[in-house]
């Protein structure tokens, strides 16, 4: 069993959203162990997580101390980690991340099929089973999975009109190694008016 440790050490508000007053901000994410086997993408169980929400104004800088650890079973050799900076509205999405319900919804084969159709074109869903979907994704290599998961989360948000995703970052074992994320690196999360800088490490 291997472990991946994610630390979100600092957040700085460069500019708030267009909404009046301070932004209520948190990080939510999805972690999925994966491996490629005979061109088929095999995925492990999705795990969702979230930091607590904090109030942010322009120029404010805070130590977040968001720390999460994920176990990777030995049969998996890679992972997809999607981290999103989110502005809290009614907090329902925050609870979905914390309770694991959003991971359960991503695991739902019907939602998965819908996202798959949207991303790669019109196909006959009735003729597709879950294994075929992941086999097709494997041929598109691991890069396809983050886009599908982000699309799924976006669809969930549209359905229940809740918290607003400012932006997303995707990481894999290779990308973390390439960026040397064993020590904190700064990443910009922005959308329209909102602009935030986060310090992130993965080891």
Protein backbone atom coordinates (compact mmCIF):
# COMPACT_ATOMS: atom_id res chain seq x y z
CA UNK A 1 0.00 0.00 0.00
CA UNK A 2 1.38 3.41 -1.04
CA UNK A 3 0.24 6.78 0.23
CA UNK A 4 -0.04 10.20 -1.38
CA UNK A 5 -0.03 13.27 0.85
CA UNK A 6 -1.61 16.52 -0.30
CA UNK A 7 -0.95 19.76 1.57
CA UNK A 8 -2.63 23.08 0.81
CA UNK A 9 -0.50 25.32 2.94
CA UNK A 10 -1.44 28.88 2.03
CA UNK A 11 -4.11 30.90 0.22
CA UNK A 12 -3.88 34.52 -0.93
CA UNK A 13 -6.74 36.58 -2.35
CA UNK A 14 -5.57 38.72 -5.26
CA UNK A 15 -9.11 39.73 -6.19
CA UNK A 16 -12.55 38.68 -4.93
CA UNK A 17 -15.50 37.66 -7.08
CA UNK A 18 -18.06 40.16 -8.31
CA UNK A 19 -20.41 39.33 -5.44
CA UNK A 20 -20.81 41.95 -2.70
CA UNK A 21 -18.70 41.49 0.43
CA UNK A 22 -16.09 38.86 1.25
CA UNK A 23 -15.84 35.52 -0.58
CA UNK A 24 -16.46 32.33 1.37
CA UNK A 25 -13.83 30.02 -0.12
CA UNK A 26 -12.90 26.36 0.24
CA UNK A 27 -11.02 23.66 -1.68
CA UNK A 28 -12.83 20.51 -2.72
CA UNK A 29 -11.27 17.59 -4.52
CA UNK A 30 -11.50 14.09 -5.96
CA UNK A 31 -8.76 11.45 -5.75
CA UNK A 32 -8.89 8.32 -7.96
CA UNK A 33 -6.21 5.57 -8.11
CA UNK A 34 -5.74 4.37 -11.71
CA UNK A 35 -3.62 2.08 -13.86
CA UNK A 36 -3.35 1.28 -17.55
CA UNK A 37 -3.54 -2.40 -18.36
CA UNK A 38 -3.56 -3.63 -21.96
CA UNK A 39 -4.70 -0.15 -23.08
CA UNK A 40 -7.60 -0.30 -20.62
CA UNK A 41 -7.89 2.28 -17.88
CA UNK A 42 -8.61 0.59 -14.55
CA UNK A 43 -9.82 2.89 -11.79
CA UNK A 44 -10.02 2.45 -8.05
CA UNK A 45 -12.60 3.89 -5.71
CA UNK A 46 -13.06 7.67 -5.95
CA UNK A 47 -12.48 9.64 -2.75
CA UNK A 48 -13.75 13.18 -2.21
CA UNK A 49 -12.44 15.67 0.34
CA UNK A 50 -12.70 19.35 1.27
CA UNK A 51 -11.13 22.00 3.48
CA UNK A 52 -13.25 24.15 5.78
CA UNK A 53 -14.57 27.37 4.28
CA UNK A 54 -12.86 30.67 5.08
CA UNK A 55 -13.75 34.32 4.55
CA UNK A 56 -11.43 36.09 2.10
CA UNK A 57 -11.00 39.70 0.97
CA UNK A 58 -8.53 41.25 -1.48
CA UNK A 59 -5.01 41.28 -0.08
CA UNK A 60 -5.77 38.72 2.64
CA UNK A 61 -3.31 35.84 3.05
CA UNK A 62 -3.93 32.84 5.31
CA UNK A 63 -2.24 29.59 6.26
CA UNK A 64 -4.77 26.93 5.28
CA UNK A 65 -3.17 23.85 6.87
CA UNK A 66 -5.30 21.63 4.64
CA UNK A 67 -3.69 18.19 4.77
CA UNK A 68 -5.06 14.99 3.24
CA UNK A 69 -3.63 11.50 2.85
CA UNK A 70 -4.79 8.91 0.30
CA UNK A 71 -3.90 5.22 0.21
CA UNK A 72 -3.17 3.64 -3.17
CA UNK A 73 -3.56 -0.16 -3.27
CA UNK A 74 -0.43 -1.85 -4.64
CA UNK A 75 -2.18 -2.91 -7.86
CA UNK A 76 -2.49 0.75 -8.94
CA UNK A 77 0.54 2.66 -10.20
CA UNK A 78 -0.89 6.13 -10.88
CA UNK A 79 -3.61 8.49 -9.73
CA UNK A 80 -5.79 11.37 -10.80
CA UNK A 81 -6.09 14.19 -8.29
CA UNK A 82 -8.49 17.02 -9.11
CA UNK A 83 -8.40 20.05 -6.83
CA UNK A 84 -10.97 22.81 -7.13
CA UNK A 85 -11.21 26.22 -5.51
CA UNK A 86 -14.86 26.89 -4.79
CA UNK A 87 -16.86 29.88 -3.64
CA UNK A 88 -19.43 28.76 -1.09
CA UNK A 89 -23.07 29.66 -1.66
CA UNK A 90 -25.52 27.50 0.29
CA UNK A 91 -22.83 24.99 1.27
CA UNK A 92 -24.58 21.94 -0.18
CA UNK A 93 -21.66 21.15 -2.47
CA UNK A 94 -19.22 21.47 0.43
CA UNK A 95 -21.21 18.86 2.33
CA UNK A 96 -21.24 16.60 -0.74
CA UNK A 97 -17.45 16.75 -0.90
CA UNK A 98 -17.02 16.15 2.84
CA UNK A 99 -19.57 13.34 3.09
CA UNK A 100 -18.28 11.51 0.01
CA UNK A 101 -21.61 11.83 -1.81
CA UNK A 102 -20.03 13.58 -4.78
CA UNK A 103 -17.63 10.64 -5.18
CA UNK A 104 -20.62 8.30 -5.11
CA UNK A 105 -22.34 10.33 -7.83
CA UNK A 106 -19.20 10.20 -9.97
CA UNK A 107 -19.19 6.41 -9.52
CA UNK A 108 -22.77 6.31 -10.82
CA UNK A 109 -22.63 4.63 -14.23
CA UNK A 110 -25.52 6.61 -15.71
CA UNK A 111 -23.90 9.97 -14.91
CA UNK A 112 -20.62 8.60 -16.24
CA UNK A 113 -22.22 7.56 -19.51
CA UNK A 114 -23.82 10.97 -19.99
CA UNK A 115 -20.50 12.76 -19.48
CA UNK A 116 -18.78 10.29 -21.80
CA UNK A 117 -21.29 10.97 -24.57
CA UNK A 118 -20.91 14.72 -24.14
CA UNK A 119 -17.11 14.59 -24.36
CA UNK A 120 -16.49 12.19 -27.24
CA UNK A 121 -19.63 12.50 -29.34
CA UNK A 122 -22.95 10.83 -29.90
CA UNK A 123 -23.03 7.08 -29.13
CA UNK A 124 -25.76 4.61 -28.32
CA UNK A 125 -25.76 4.40 -24.51
CA UNK A 126 -27.92 1.25 -24.48
CA UNK A 127 -25.14 -0.68 -26.23
CA UNK A 128 -22.42 0.39 -23.77
CA UNK A 129 -21.54 -1.16 -20.44
CA UNK A 130 -19.27 0.33 -17.78
CA UNK A 131 -16.33 -1.89 -18.75
CA UNK A 132 -16.52 -0.69 -22.36
CA UNK A 133 -16.46 2.92 -21.22
CA UNK A 134 -13.31 2.49 -19.17
CA UNK A 135 -11.70 0.47 -21.96
CA UNK A 136 -12.37 3.32 -24.38
CA UNK A 137 -11.03 5.82 -21.89
CA UNK A 138 -7.88 3.75 -21.55
CA UNK A 139 -7.21 4.21 -25.26
CA UNK A 140 -7.47 7.96 -24.72
CA UNK A 141 -4.89 7.53 -21.91
CA UNK A 142 -5.26 8.91 -18.38
CA UNK A 143 -5.58 12.51 -19.66
CA UNK A 144 -9.25 11.90 -20.50
CA UNK A 145 -10.35 11.14 -16.95
CA UNK A 146 -9.89 14.56 -15.30
CA UNK A 147 -12.00 16.23 -18.00
CA UNK A 148 -14.79 13.71 -17.44
CA UNK A 149 -14.73 14.07 -13.65
CA UNK A 150 -14.77 17.88 -13.92
CA UNK A 151 -17.66 17.63 -16.37
CA UNK A 152 -19.54 15.38 -13.93
CA UNK A 153 -19.05 17.81 -11.04
CA UNK A 154 -20.17 20.66 -13.30
CA UNK A 155 -23.33 18.74 -14.23
CA UNK A 156 -24.10 18.05 -10.58
CA UNK A 157 -23.73 21.74 -9.75
CA UNK A 158 -26.02 22.76 -12.62
CA UNK A 159 -28.67 20.34 -11.43
CA UNK A 160 -28.88 21.74 -7.92
CA UNK A 161 -27.53 25.29 -8.50
CA UNK A 162 -25.11 25.59 -5.65
CA UNK A 163 -21.52 26.62 -4.96
CA UNK A 164 -19.48 28.14 -7.78
CA UNK A 165 -16.22 26.54 -8.95
CA UNK A 166 -13.60 29.23 -9.50
CA UNK A 167 -11.18 26.87 -11.26
CA UNK A 168 -9.67 23.38 -11.21
CA UNK A 169 -6.19 21.88 -11.29
CA UNK A 170 -5.40 18.28 -12.21
CA UNK A 171 -2.43 16.27 -11.02
CA UNK A 172 -1.05 12.80 -11.70
CA UNK A 173 2.05 11.04 -10.38
CA UNK A 174 4.04 12.15 -13.43
CA UNK A 175 2.85 15.75 -13.25
CA UNK A 176 3.61 16.01 -9.53
CA UNK A 177 7.09 14.63 -10.19
CA UNK A 178 7.60 16.99 -13.14
CA UNK A 179 6.60 20.01 -11.06
CA UNK A 180 8.62 18.73 -8.06
CA UNK A 181 5.62 19.17 -5.81
CA UNK A 182 7.25 17.54 -2.79
CA UNK A 183 7.70 21.14 -1.58
CA UNK A 184 5.01 23.86 -1.85
CA UNK A 185 4.48 25.49 -5.25
CA UNK A 186 2.15 28.37 -6.02
CA UNK A 187 -0.79 27.92 -8.39
CA UNK A 188 -3.23 30.54 -9.67
CA UNK A 189 -6.96 29.79 -9.49
CA UNK A 190 -9.07 32.35 -11.33
CA UNK A 191 -12.44 32.90 -13.00
CA UNK A 192 -13.72 36.25 -14.25
CA UNK A 193 -13.13 38.66 -11.36
CA UNK A 194 -12.02 36.15 -8.73
CA UNK A 195 -8.28 35.45 -8.52
CA UNK A 196 -6.54 33.41 -5.82
CA UNK A 197 -3.06 32.00 -5.30
CA UNK A 198 -2.62 28.69 -3.46
CA UNK A 199 0.53 26.95 -2.23
CA UNK A 200 0.27 23.19 -2.83
CA UNK A 201 2.57 20.21 -2.25
CA UNK A 202 2.10 16.53 -3.13
CA UNK A 203 4.41 13.76 -1.98
